[in-house]
PDB file of N, CA and C in Angstrom:
ATOM      1  N   MET A   1      -6.261 -35.816  17.594  1.00  0.00           N
ATOM      2  CA  MET A   1      -5.260 -34.949  16.904  1.00  0.00           C
ATOM      3  C   MET A   1      -6.365 -33.688  16.268  1.00  0.00           C
ATOM      4  N   GLU A   2      -5.967 -32.513  16.429  1.00  0.00           N
ATOM      5  CA  GLU A   2      -6.666 -31.351  16.013  1.00  0.00           C
ATOM      6  C   GLU A   2      -6.744 -31.384  14.463  1.00  0.00           C
ATOM      7  N   GLN A   3      -7.874 -30.936  13.890  1.00  0.00           N
ATOM      8  CA  GLN A   3      -7.955 -30.958  12.452  1.00  0.00           C
ATOM      9  C   GLN A   3      -7.484 -29.491  11.915  1.00  0.00           C
ATOM     10  N   SER A   4      -6.857 -29.470  10.883  1.00  0.00           N
ATOM     11  CA  SER A   4      -6.455 -28.097  10.477  1.00  0.00           C
ATOM     12  C   SER A   4      -7.537 -27.391   9.822  1.00  0.00           C
ATOM     13  N   LYS A   5      -7.368 -26.112   9.913  1.00  0.00           N
ATOM     14  CA  LYS A   5      -8.523 -25.149   9.409  1.00  0.00           C
ATOM     15  C   LYS A   5      -8.157 -24.561   7.998  1.00  0.00           C
ATOM     16  N   ILE A   6      -7.045 -24.911   7.459  1.00  0.00           N
ATOM     17  CA  ILE A   6      -6.583 -24.424   6.192  1.00  0.00           C
ATOM     18  C   ILE A   6      -6.441 -25.766   5.151  1.00  0.00           C
ATOM     19  N   THR A   7      -6.942 -25.548   3.961  1.00  0.00           N
ATOM     20  CA  THR A   7      -6.938 -26.621   2.926  1.00  0.00           C
ATOM     21  C   THR A   7      -6.037 -26.046   1.704  1.00  0.00           C
ATOM     22  N   VAL A   8      -4.959 -26.682   1.359  1.00  0.00           N
ATOM     23  CA  VAL A   8      -4.173 -26.271   0.340  1.00  0.00           C
ATOM     24  C   VAL A   8      -4.453 -27.260  -0.870  1.00  0.00           C
ATOM     25  N   TYR A   9      -4.881 -26.868  -2.016  1.00  0.00           N
ATOM     26  CA  TYR A   9      -5.004 -27.612  -3.195  1.00  0.00           C
ATOM     27  C   TYR A   9      -3.903 -27.440  -4.091  1.00  0.00           C
ATOM     28  N   GLY A  10      -3.198 -28.524  -4.622  1.00  0.00           N
ATOM     29  CA  GLY A  10      -2.047 -28.281  -5.451  1.00  0.00           C
ATOM     30  C   GLY A  10      -1.586 -29.655  -5.960  1.00  0.00           C
ATOM     31  N   ALA A  11      -0.380 -29.514  -6.534  1.00  0.00           N
ATOM     32  CA  ALA A  11       0.280 -30.660  -7.082  1.00  0.00           C
ATOM     33  C   ALA A  11       1.778 -30.553  -6.818  1.00  0.00           C
ATOM     34  N   PRO A  12       2.467 -31.765  -6.609  1.00  0.00           N
ATOM     35  CA  PRO A  12       4.020 -31.817  -6.327  1.00  0.00           C
ATOM     36  C   PRO A  12       4.797 -31.071  -7.390  1.00  0.00           C
ATOM     37  N   TRP A  13       4.329 -31.104  -8.606  1.00  0.00           N
ATOM     38  CA  TRP A  13       5.316 -30.565  -9.673  1.00  0.00           C
ATOM     39  C   TRP A  13       4.953 -28.944  -9.800  1.00  0.00           C
ATOM     40  N   CYS A  14       4.120 -28.368  -8.948  1.00  0.00           N
ATOM     41  CA  CYS A  14       3.770 -26.984  -9.084  1.00  0.00           C
ATOM     42  C   CYS A  14       4.763 -26.141  -8.132  1.00  0.00           C
ATOM     43  N   PRO A  15       5.663 -25.298  -8.739  1.00  0.00           N
ATOM     44  CA  PRO A  15       6.518 -24.456  -8.060  1.00  0.00           C
ATOM     45  C   PRO A  15       5.775 -23.517  -7.052  1.00  0.00           C
ATOM     46  N   ASP A  16       4.630 -22.968  -7.397  1.00  0.00           N
ATOM     47  CA  ASP A  16       3.937 -22.053  -6.553  1.00  0.00           C
ATOM     48  C   ASP A  16       3.472 -22.786  -5.334  1.00  0.00           C
ATOM     49  N   CYS A  17       2.864 -24.084  -5.598  1.00  0.00           N
ATOM     50  CA  CYS A  17       2.358 -24.917  -4.493  1.00  0.00           C
ATOM     51  C   CYS A  17       3.580 -25.208  -3.528  1.00  0.00           C
ATOM     52  N   ARG A  18       4.685 -25.622  -4.020  1.00  0.00           N
ATOM     53  CA  ARG A  18       5.930 -25.754  -3.105  1.00  0.00           C
ATOM     54  C   ARG A  18       6.213 -24.573  -2.271  1.00  0.00           C
ATOM     55  N   GLN A  19       6.123 -23.353  -2.890  1.00  0.00           N
ATOM     56  CA  GLN A  19       6.364 -22.183  -2.266  1.00  0.00           C
ATOM     57  C   GLN A  19       5.401 -21.920  -1.149  1.00  0.00           C
ATOM     58  N   SER A  20       4.258 -22.105  -1.350  1.00  0.00           N
ATOM     59  CA  SER A  20       3.184 -21.828  -0.353  1.00  0.00           C
ATOM     60  C   SER A  20       3.292 -22.911   0.714  1.00  0.00           C
ATOM     61  N   LYS A  21       3.493 -24.171   0.441  1.00  0.00           N
ATOM     62  CA  LYS A  21       3.740 -25.233   1.493  1.00  0.00           C
ATOM     63  C   LYS A  21       4.942 -24.968   2.142  1.00  0.00           C
ATOM     64  N   GLN A  22       6.013 -24.426   1.693  1.00  0.00           N
ATOM     65  CA  GLN A  22       7.272 -24.203   2.408  1.00  0.00           C
ATOM     66  C   GLN A  22       7.007 -22.965   3.402  1.00  0.00           C
ATOM     67  N   PHE A  23       6.323 -21.884   2.940  1.00  0.00           N
ATOM     68  CA  PHE A  23       5.929 -20.798   3.794  1.00  0.00           C
ATOM     69  C   PHE A  23       5.150 -21.248   5.005  1.00  0.00           C
ATOM     70  N   LEU A  24       4.173 -21.861   4.605  1.00  0.00           N
ATOM     71  CA  LEU A  24       3.208 -22.351   5.719  1.00  0.00           C
ATOM     72  C   LEU A  24       3.918 -23.265   6.700  1.00  0.00           C
ATOM     73  N   GLY A  25       4.824 -24.160   6.294  1.00  0.00           N
ATOM     74  CA  GLY A  25       5.685 -24.947   7.162  1.00  0.00           C
ATOM     75  C   GLY A  25       6.569 -24.169   7.965  1.00  0.00           C
ATOM     76  N   GLU A  26       7.286 -23.141   7.362  1.00  0.00           N
ATOM     77  CA  GLU A  26       8.260 -22.332   7.982  1.00  0.00           C
ATOM     78  C   GLU A  26       7.599 -21.573   9.283  1.00  0.00           C
ATOM     79  N   GLN A  27       6.261 -21.251   8.979  1.00  0.00           N
ATOM     80  CA  GLN A  27       5.570 -20.518  10.034  1.00  0.00           C
ATOM     81  C   GLN A  27       4.773 -21.310  10.897  1.00  0.00           C
ATOM     82  N   ARG A  28       5.030 -22.555  10.829  1.00  0.00           N
ATOM     83  CA  ARG A  28       4.339 -23.712  11.773  1.00  0.00           C
ATOM     84  C   ARG A  28       2.826 -23.607  11.730  1.00  0.00           C
ATOM     85  N   VAL A  29       2.365 -23.403  10.535  1.00  0.00           N
ATOM     86  CA  VAL A  29       0.955 -23.256  10.326  1.00  0.00           C
ATOM     87  C   VAL A  29       0.571 -24.683   9.743  1.00  0.00           C
ATOM     88  N   ARG A  30      -0.466 -25.260  10.530  1.00  0.00           N
ATOM     89  CA  ARG A  30      -1.057 -26.544  10.041  1.00  0.00           C
ATOM     90  C   ARG A  30      -2.013 -26.446   9.020  1.00  0.00           C
ATOM     91  N   TYR A  31      -1.901 -27.393   8.030  1.00  0.00           N
ATOM     92  CA  TYR A  31      -2.917 -27.329   6.835  1.00  0.00           C
ATOM     93  C   TYR A  31      -3.147 -28.673   6.405  1.00  0.00           C
ATOM     94  N   ASN A  32      -4.123 -28.809   5.613  1.00  0.00           N
ATOM     95  CA  ASN A  32      -4.394 -30.021   4.925  1.00  0.00           C
ATOM     96  C   ASN A  32      -4.055 -29.904   3.480  1.00  0.00           C
ATOM     97  N   TRP A  33      -3.304 -30.946   2.923  1.00  0.00           N
ATOM     98  CA  TRP A  33      -2.749 -30.961   1.621  1.00  0.00           C
ATOM     99  C   TRP A  33      -3.537 -31.732   0.816  1.00  0.00           C
ATOM    100  N   VAL A  34      -4.151 -31.345  -0.422  1.00  0.00           N
ATOM    101  CA  VAL A  34      -4.893 -32.119  -1.296  1.00  0.00           C
ATOM    102  C   VAL A  34      -4.101 -32.097  -2.638  1.00  0.00           C
ATOM    103  N   ASP A  35      -3.600 -33.245  -3.041  1.00  0.00           N
ATOM    104  CA  ASP A  35      -2.878 -33.487  -4.360  1.00  0.00           C
ATOM    105  C   ASP A  35      -3.957 -33.576  -5.446  1.00  0.00           C
ATOM    106  N   ILE A  36      -4.197 -32.583  -6.195  1.00  0.00           N
ATOM    107  CA  ILE A  36      -5.267 -32.733  -7.262  1.00  0.00           C
ATOM    108  C   ILE A  36      -4.855 -33.822  -8.322  1.00  0.00           C
ATOM    109  N   ASP A  37      -3.692 -34.191  -8.363  1.00  0.00           N
ATOM    110  CA  ASP A  37      -3.316 -35.271  -9.351  1.00  0.00           C
ATOM    111  C   ASP A  37      -3.706 -36.563  -8.876  1.00  0.00           C
ATOM    112  N   GLU A  38      -3.979 -36.857  -7.471  1.00  0.00           N
ATOM    113  CA  GLU A  38      -4.226 -37.941  -6.977  1.00  0.00           C
ATOM    114  C   GLU A  38      -5.816 -38.041  -6.517  1.00  0.00           C
ATOM    115  N   ASP A  39      -6.235 -36.851  -6.325  1.00  0.00           N
ATOM    116  CA  ASP A  39      -7.586 -36.689  -5.646  1.00  0.00           C
ATOM    117  C   ASP A  39      -8.547 -36.196  -6.743  1.00  0.00           C
ATOM    118  N   GLU A  40      -9.446 -36.799  -7.367  1.00  0.00           N
ATOM    119  CA  GLU A  40     -10.369 -36.372  -8.429  1.00  0.00           C
ATOM    120  C   GLU A  40     -11.295 -35.359  -7.789  1.00  0.00           C
ATOM    121  N   GLU A  41     -11.822 -35.611  -6.583  1.00  0.00           N
ATOM    122  CA  GLU A  41     -12.773 -34.600  -6.072  1.00  0.00           C
ATOM    123  C   GLU A  41     -12.017 -33.411  -5.718  1.00  0.00           C
ATOM    124  N   GLY A  42     -10.746 -33.374  -5.281  1.00  0.00           N
ATOM    125  CA  GLY A  42      -9.990 -32.244  -4.998  1.00  0.00           C
ATOM    126  C   GLY A  42      -9.832 -31.376  -6.433  1.00  0.00           C
ATOM    127  N   ARG A  43      -9.539 -32.124  -7.468  1.00  0.00           N
ATOM    128  CA  ARG A  43      -9.507 -31.394  -8.788  1.00  0.00           C
ATOM    129  C   ARG A  43     -10.792 -30.725  -9.115  1.00  0.00           C
ATOM    130  N   LYS A  44     -11.889 -31.412  -8.971  1.00  0.00           N
ATOM    131  CA  LYS A  44     -13.124 -30.875  -9.268  1.00  0.00           C
ATOM    132  C   LYS A  44     -13.429 -29.590  -8.449  1.00  0.00           C
ATOM    133  N   ARG A  45     -13.009 -29.726  -7.247  1.00  0.00           N
ATOM    134  CA  ARG A  45     -13.238 -28.522  -6.227  1.00  0.00           C
ATOM    135  C   ARG A  45     -12.391 -27.341  -6.705  1.00  0.00           C
ATOM    136  N   VAL A  46     -11.320 -27.545  -7.167  1.00  0.00           N
ATOM    137  CA  VAL A  46     -10.492 -26.499  -7.631  1.00  0.00           C
ATOM    138  C   VAL A  46     -11.083 -25.804  -8.901  1.00  0.00           C
ATOM    139  N   GLN A  47     -11.383 -26.623  -9.792  1.00  0.00           N
ATOM    140  CA  GLN A  47     -12.144 -26.031 -10.967  1.00  0.00           C
ATOM    141  C   GLN A  47     -13.481 -25.338 -10.631  1.00  0.00           C
ATOM    142  N   GLU A  48     -14.177 -25.960  -9.745  1.00  0.00           N
ATOM    143  CA  GLU A  48     -15.348 -25.338  -9.213  1.00  0.00           C
ATOM    144  C   GLU A  48     -15.191 -23.908  -8.704  1.00  0.00           C
ATOM    145  N   LEU A  49     -14.046 -23.813  -7.875  1.00  0.00           N
ATOM    146  CA  LEU A  49     -13.870 -22.476  -7.249  1.00  0.00           C
ATOM    147  C   LEU A  49     -13.231 -21.475  -8.216  1.00  0.00           C
ATOM    148  N   ASN A  50     -12.610 -21.982  -9.244  1.00  0.00           N
ATOM    149  CA  ASN A  50     -11.930 -21.016 -10.209  1.00  0.00           C
ATOM    150  C   ASN A  50     -12.512 -21.076 -11.562  1.00  0.00           C
ATOM    151  N   ASP A  51     -13.916 -21.016 -11.606  1.00  0.00           N
ATOM    152  CA  ASP A  51     -14.637 -20.831 -12.871  1.00  0.00           C
ATOM    153  C   ASP A  51     -14.273 -21.836 -13.933  1.00  0.00           C
ATOM    154  N   GLY A  52     -14.069 -23.082 -13.549  1.00  0.00           N
ATOM    155  CA  GLY A  52     -13.668 -24.086 -14.500  1.00  0.00           C
ATOM    156  C   GLY A  52     -12.233 -24.226 -14.883  1.00  0.00           C
ATOM    157  N   LYS A  53     -11.417 -23.371 -14.339  1.00  0.00           N
ATOM    158  CA  LYS A  53      -9.993 -23.377 -14.646  1.00  0.00           C
ATOM    159  C   LYS A  53      -9.356 -24.148 -13.386  1.00  0.00           C
ATOM    160  N   GLN A  54      -8.215 -24.739 -13.789  1.00  0.00           N
ATOM    161  CA  GLN A  54      -7.399 -25.669 -12.747  1.00  0.00           C
ATOM    162  C   GLN A  54      -6.208 -24.735 -12.371  1.00  0.00           C
ATOM    163  N   ILE A  55      -6.469 -23.856 -11.384  1.00  0.00           N
ATOM    164  CA  ILE A  55      -5.454 -22.869 -10.960  1.00  0.00           C
ATOM    165  C   ILE A  55      -5.011 -23.255  -9.548  1.00  0.00           C
ATOM    166  N   ILE A  56      -3.732 -23.539  -9.443  1.00  0.00           N
ATOM    167  CA  ILE A  56      -3.100 -24.015  -8.244  1.00  0.00           C
ATOM    168  C   ILE A  56      -1.778 -23.110  -7.838  1.00  0.00           C
ATOM    169  N   PRO A  57      -1.621 -22.913  -6.503  1.00  0.00           N
ATOM    170  CA  PRO A  57      -2.351 -23.586  -5.422  1.00  0.00           C
ATOM    171  C   PRO A  57      -3.658 -22.680  -5.137  1.00  0.00           C
ATOM    172  N   THR A  58      -4.641 -23.306  -4.594  1.00  0.00           N
ATOM    173  CA  THR A  58      -5.845 -22.750  -4.299  1.00  0.00           C
ATOM    174  C   THR A  58      -6.006 -22.980  -2.825  1.00  0.00           C
ATOM    175  N   ILE A  59      -5.993 -22.137  -2.023  1.00  0.00           N
ATOM    176  CA  ILE A  59      -5.979 -22.209  -0.498  1.00  0.00           C
ATOM    177  C   ILE A  59      -7.287 -21.631   0.052  1.00  0.00           C
ATOM    178  N   ILE A  60      -7.959 -22.591   0.981  1.00  0.00           N
ATOM    179  CA  ILE A  60      -9.197 -22.251   1.482  1.00  0.00           C
ATOM    180  C   ILE A  60      -8.925 -22.098   2.864  1.00  0.00           C
ATOM    181  N   PHE A  61      -9.400 -20.960   3.614  1.00  0.00           N
ATOM    182  CA  PHE A  61      -9.182 -20.801   5.020  1.00  0.00           C
ATOM    183  C   PHE A  61     -10.593 -20.987   5.876  1.00  0.00           C
ATOM    184  N   GLU A  62     -10.561 -21.081   7.133  1.00  0.00           N
ATOM    185  CA  GLU A  62     -11.628 -21.427   7.878  1.00  0.00           C
ATOM    186  C   GLU A  62     -12.723 -20.632   7.669  1.00  0.00           C
ATOM    187  N   ASP A  63     -12.433 -19.242   7.583  1.00  0.00           N
ATOM    188  CA  ASP A  63     -13.452 -18.198   7.480  1.00  0.00           C
ATOM    189  C   ASP A  63     -14.071 -18.155   6.026  1.00  0.00           C
ATOM    190  N   GLY A  64     -13.795 -19.005   5.177  1.00  0.00           N
ATOM    191  CA  GLY A  64     -14.270 -19.211   3.760  1.00  0.00           C
ATOM    192  C   GLY A  64     -13.448 -18.351   2.775  1.00  0.00           C
ATOM    193  N   LEU A  65     -12.460 -17.568   3.182  1.00  0.00           N
ATOM    194  CA  LEU A  65     -11.580 -16.874   2.215  1.00  0.00           C
ATOM    195  C   LEU A  65     -10.846 -17.875   1.385  1.00  0.00           C
ATOM    196  N   ILE A  66     -10.829 -17.510   0.074  1.00  0.00           N
ATOM    197  CA  ILE A  66     -10.015 -18.384  -0.971  1.00  0.00           C
ATOM    198  C   ILE A  66      -9.055 -17.557  -1.461  1.00  0.00           C
ATOM    199  N   LEU A  67      -7.698 -17.998  -1.469  1.00  0.00           N
ATOM    200  CA  LEU A  67      -6.646 -17.302  -2.069  1.00  0.00           C
ATOM    201  C   LEU A  67      -6.148 -18.214  -3.219  1.00  0.00           C
ATOM    202  N   VAL A  68      -5.921 -17.718  -4.379  1.00  0.00           N
ATOM    203  CA  VAL A  68      -5.433 -18.501  -5.473  1.00  0.00           C
ATOM    204  C   VAL A  68      -4.122 -17.775  -5.891  1.00  0.00           C
ATOM    205  N   GLU A  69      -3.103 -18.714  -5.991  1.00  0.00           N
ATOM    206  CA  GLU A  69      -1.734 -18.491  -6.235  1.00  0.00           C
ATOM    207  C   GLU A  69      -1.152 -17.213  -5.470  1.00  0.00           C
ATOM    208  N   PRO A  70      -1.432 -17.411  -4.071  1.00  0.00           N
ATOM    209  CA  PRO A  70      -1.067 -16.289  -3.261  1.00  0.00           C
ATOM    210  C   PRO A  70       0.442 -16.020  -3.175  1.00  0.00           C
ATOM    211  N   SER A  71       0.984 -14.896  -2.953  1.00  0.00           N
ATOM    212  CA  SER A  71       2.461 -14.556  -2.679  1.00  0.00           C
ATOM    213  C   SER A  71       2.527 -14.989  -1.168  1.00  0.00           C
ATOM    214  N   ASN A  72       3.928 -15.022  -0.731  1.00  0.00           N
ATOM    215  CA  ASN A  72       4.133 -15.109   0.690  1.00  0.00           C
ATOM    216  C   ASN A  72       3.513 -13.975   1.430  1.00  0.00           C
ATOM    217  N   ALA A  73       3.594 -12.759   0.874  1.00  0.00           N
ATOM    218  CA  ALA A  73       3.198 -11.541   1.575  1.00  0.00           C
ATOM    219  C   ALA A  73       1.622 -11.682   1.759  1.00  0.00           C
ATOM    220  N   GLU A  74       0.881 -12.167   0.699  1.00  0.00           N
ATOM    221  CA  GLU A  74      -0.476 -12.232   0.819  1.00  0.00           C
ATOM    222  C   GLU A  74      -1.009 -13.312   1.928  1.00  0.00           C
ATOM    223  N   LEU A  75      -0.122 -14.453   2.042  1.00  0.00           N
ATOM    224  CA  LEU A  75      -0.400 -15.441   2.971  1.00  0.00           C
ATOM    225  C   LEU A  75      -0.119 -14.802   4.396  1.00  0.00           C
ATOM    226  N   ALA A  76       0.985 -14.126   4.504  1.00  0.00           N
ATOM    227  CA  ALA A  76       1.402 -13.452   5.754  1.00  0.00           C
ATOM    228  C   ALA A  76       0.364 -12.616   6.225  1.00  0.00           C
ATOM    229  N   ALA A  77      -0.193 -11.689   5.396  1.00  0.00           N
ATOM    230  CA  ALA A  77      -1.206 -10.899   5.638  1.00  0.00           C
ATOM    231  C   ALA A  77      -2.520 -11.424   6.188  1.00  0.00           C
ATOM    232  N   LYS A  78      -2.885 -12.441   5.520  1.00  0.00           N
ATOM    233  CA  LYS A  78      -4.110 -13.332   5.865  1.00  0.00           C
ATOM    234  C   LYS A  78      -3.878 -13.913   7.378  1.00  0.00           C
ATOM    235  N   LEU A  79      -2.723 -14.490   7.536  1.00  0.00           N
ATOM    236  CA  LEU A  79      -2.398 -15.164   8.757  1.00  0.00           C
ATOM    237  C   LEU A  79      -2.028 -14.198   9.927  1.00  0.00           C
ATOM    238  N   GLY A  80      -1.931 -12.994   9.623  1.00  0.00           N
ATOM    239  CA  GLY A  80      -1.481 -11.914  10.697  1.00  0.00           C
ATOM    240  C   GLY A  80      -0.035 -12.061  11.107  1.00  0.00           C
ATOM    241  N   ILE A  81       0.726 -12.419  10.093  1.00  0.00           N
ATOM    242  CA  ILE A  81       2.164 -12.631  10.314  1.00  0.00           C
ATOM    243  C   ILE A  81       2.869 -11.490   9.838  1.00  0.00           C
ATOM    244  N   SER A  82       3.802 -10.742  10.587  1.00  0.00           N
ATOM    245  CA  SER A  82       4.648  -9.611   9.991  1.00  0.00           C
ATOM    246  C   SER A  82       5.688 -10.127   9.190  1.00  0.00           C
ATOM    247  N   PRO A  83       5.800  -9.939   7.858  1.00  0.00           N
ATOM    248  CA  PRO A  83       6.953 -10.244   7.094  1.00  0.00           C
ATOM    249  C   PRO A  83       8.131  -9.580   7.306  1.00  0.00           C
ATOM    250  N   LYS A  84       8.144  -8.539   7.924  1.00  0.00           N
ATOM    251  CA  LYS A  84       9.352  -7.600   8.288  1.00  0.00           C
ATOM    252  C   LYS A  84       9.681  -7.815   9.735  1.00  0.00           C
ATOM    253  N   ALA A  85      10.888  -7.594  10.139  1.00  0.00           N
ATOM    254  CA  ALA A  85      11.301  -7.447  11.570  1.00  0.00           C
ATOM    255  C   ALA A  85      10.547  -6.354  12.325  1.00  0.00           C
ATOM    256  N   LYS A  86      10.300  -6.495  13.513  1.00  0.00           N
ATOM    257  CA  LYS A  86       9.550  -5.563  14.380  1.00  0.00           C
ATOM    258  C   LYS A  86      10.474  -4.413  14.603  1.00  0.00           C
ATOM    259  N   ARG A  87      11.680  -4.602  14.696  1.00  0.00           N
ATOM    260  CA  ARG A  87      12.693  -3.557  15.000  1.00  0.00           C
ATOM    261  C   ARG A  87      13.853  -3.420  13.881  1.00  0.00           C
ATOM    262  N   GLU A  88      14.472  -2.332  13.794  1.00  0.00           N
ATOM    263  CA  GLU A  88      15.515  -2.203  12.815  1.00  0.00           C
ATOM    264  C   GLU A  88      16.722  -2.922  13.335  1.00  0.00           C
ATOM    265  N   TYR A  89      16.997  -2.948  14.696  1.00  0.00           N
ATOM    266  CA  TYR A  89      18.256  -3.491  15.173  1.00  0.00           C
ATOM    267  C   TYR A  89      17.844  -4.299  16.335  1.00  0.00           C
ATOM    268  N   TYR A  90      18.627  -5.380  16.648  1.00  0.00           N
ATOM    269  CA  TYR A  90      18.427  -6.275  17.756  1.00  0.00           C
ATOM    270  C   TYR A  90      19.770  -6.357  18.519  1.00  0.00           C
ATOM    271  N   ASP A  91      19.659  -6.501  19.896  1.00  0.00           N
ATOM    272  CA  ASP A  91      20.935  -6.587  20.670  1.00  0.00           C
ATOM    273  C   ASP A  91      21.648  -7.949  20.564  1.00  0.00           C
ATOM    274  N   LEU A  92      20.977  -9.004  20.253  1.00  0.00           N
ATOM    275  CA  LEU A  92      21.586 -10.343  20.210  1.00  0.00           C
ATOM    276  C   LEU A  92      21.024 -11.110  19.159  1.00  0.00           C
ATOM    277  N   VAL A  93      21.711 -11.953  18.390  1.00  0.00           N
ATOM    278  CA  VAL A  93      21.233 -12.872  17.503  1.00  0.00           C
ATOM    279  C   VAL A  93      21.959 -14.135  17.642  1.00  0.00           C
ATOM    280  N   ILE A  94      21.261 -15.194  17.900  1.00  0.00           N
ATOM    281  CA  ILE A  94      21.872 -16.550  18.213  1.00  0.00           C
ATOM    282  C   ILE A  94      21.851 -17.329  17.052  1.00  0.00           C
ATOM    283  N   VAL A  95      23.046 -17.709  16.518  1.00  0.00           N
ATOM    284  CA  VAL A  95      23.131 -18.537  15.283  1.00  0.00           C
ATOM    285  C   VAL A  95      23.597 -20.000  15.731  1.00  0.00           C
ATOM    286  N   GLY A  96      22.799 -20.918  15.374  1.00  0.00           N
ATOM    287  CA  GLY A  96      23.114 -22.148  15.724  1.00  0.00           C
ATOM    288  C   GLY A  96      22.204 -22.809  16.816  1.00  0.00           C
ATOM    289  N   SER A  97      22.530 -24.074  17.059  1.00  0.00           N
ATOM    290  CA  SER A  97      21.581 -24.682  18.022  1.00  0.00           C
ATOM    291  C   SER A  97      22.370 -25.540  18.865  1.00  0.00           C
ATOM    292  N   GLY A  98      21.657 -26.515  19.522  1.00  0.00           N
ATOM    293  CA  GLY A  98      22.302 -27.480  20.354  1.00  0.00           C
ATOM    294  C   GLY A  98      22.605 -26.812  21.830  1.00  0.00           C
ATOM    295  N   PRO A  99      23.618 -27.318  22.462  1.00  0.00           N
ATOM    296  CA  PRO A  99      23.839 -26.886  23.881  1.00  0.00           C
ATOM    297  C   PRO A  99      24.412 -25.421  23.948  1.00  0.00           C
ATOM    298  N   ALA A 100      25.296 -25.096  22.955  1.00  0.00           N
ATOM    299  CA  ALA A 100      25.851 -23.837  23.015  1.00  0.00           C
ATOM    300  C   ALA A 100      24.790 -22.796  22.715  1.00  0.00           C
ATOM    301  N   GLY A 101      23.909 -22.977  21.721  1.00  0.00           N
ATOM    302  CA  GLY A 101      22.815 -22.078  21.477  1.00  0.00           C
ATOM    303  C   GLY A 101      21.860 -21.936  22.625  1.00  0.00           C
ATOM    304  N   LEU A 102      21.444 -22.954  23.334  1.00  0.00           N
ATOM    305  CA  LEU A 102      20.581 -22.951  24.514  1.00  0.00           C
ATOM    306  C   LEU A 102      21.285 -22.213  25.461  1.00  0.00           C
ATOM    307  N   THR A 103      22.526 -22.492  25.852  1.00  0.00           N
ATOM    308  CA  THR A 103      23.136 -21.774  26.929  1.00  0.00           C
ATOM    309  C   THR A 103      23.266 -20.305  26.895  1.00  0.00           C
ATOM    310  N   THR A 104      23.579 -19.907  25.379  1.00  0.00           N
ATOM    311  CA  THR A 104      23.674 -18.515  25.199  1.00  0.00           C
ATOM    312  C   THR A 104      22.222 -17.720  25.384  1.00  0.00           C
ATOM    313  N   ALA A 105      21.185 -18.557  24.920  1.00  0.00           N
ATOM    314  CA  ALA A 105      19.926 -17.941  25.059  1.00  0.00           C
ATOM    315  C   ALA A 105      19.581 -17.818  26.651  1.00  0.00           C
ATOM    316  N   LEU A 106      19.957 -18.877  27.368  1.00  0.00           N
ATOM    317  CA  LEU A 106      19.517 -18.674  28.759  1.00  0.00           C
ATOM    318  C   LEU A 106      20.391 -17.598  29.488  1.00  0.00           C
ATOM    319  N   TYR A 107      21.561 -17.459  29.229  1.00  0.00           N
ATOM    320  CA  TYR A 107      22.391 -16.342  29.829  1.00  0.00           C
ATOM    321  C   TYR A 107      21.890 -14.925  29.447  1.00  0.00           C
ATOM    322  N   ALA A 108      21.653 -14.841  28.130  1.00  0.00           N
ATOM    323  CA  ALA A 108      21.008 -13.605  27.470  1.00  0.00           C
ATOM    324  C   ALA A 108      19.721 -13.227  28.183  1.00  0.00           C
ATOM    325  N   ALA A 109      18.842 -14.198  28.355  1.00  0.00           N
ATOM    326  CA  ALA A 109      17.611 -14.091  28.978  1.00  0.00           C
ATOM    327  C   ALA A 109      17.792 -13.708  30.453  1.00  0.00           C
ATOM    328  N   ARG A 110      18.788 -14.152  31.200  1.00  0.00           N
ATOM    329  CA  ARG A 110      19.015 -13.684  32.528  1.00  0.00           C
ATOM    330  C   ARG A 110      19.516 -12.341  32.775  1.00  0.00           C
ATOM    331  N   GLU A 111      20.264 -11.912  31.644  1.00  0.00           N
ATOM    332  CA  GLU A 111      20.726 -10.532  31.665  1.00  0.00           C
ATOM    333  C   GLU A 111      19.818  -9.615  31.118  1.00  0.00           C
ATOM    334  N   GLY A 112      18.655 -10.023  30.718  1.00  0.00           N
ATOM    335  CA  GLY A 112      17.651  -9.078  30.110  1.00  0.00           C
ATOM    336  C   GLY A 112      17.882  -8.614  28.689  1.00  0.00           C
ATOM    337  N   ILE A 113      18.686  -9.374  27.990  1.00  0.00           N
ATOM    338  CA  ILE A 113      19.118  -8.873  26.625  1.00  0.00           C
ATOM    339  C   ILE A 113      18.063  -9.371  25.613  1.00  0.00           C
TER     340      ILE A 113
END
């Protein structure tokens, strides 16, 4: 199994941590989660990175960049994800899943939509 290149330090009770985890999950970005309430070394690492303060979420990327309490827009920019739609209008939107959604997507692709 491939090791994640992003480490998120946080706690389950932290709303900003939940927001960052949700955003990364929605974008299918793999990351390592370190619960600083359960991991003393993780807590010390966060304090070391934040001048003795316990500020979460603290996110460390493979290139060494550290984001502290990032917004979704900051995470998107770092990951190279466009937070806005690429176009103003789209010809087709498929709502739903299952056999009907799959069939619609297949027929639309055949028609070049």
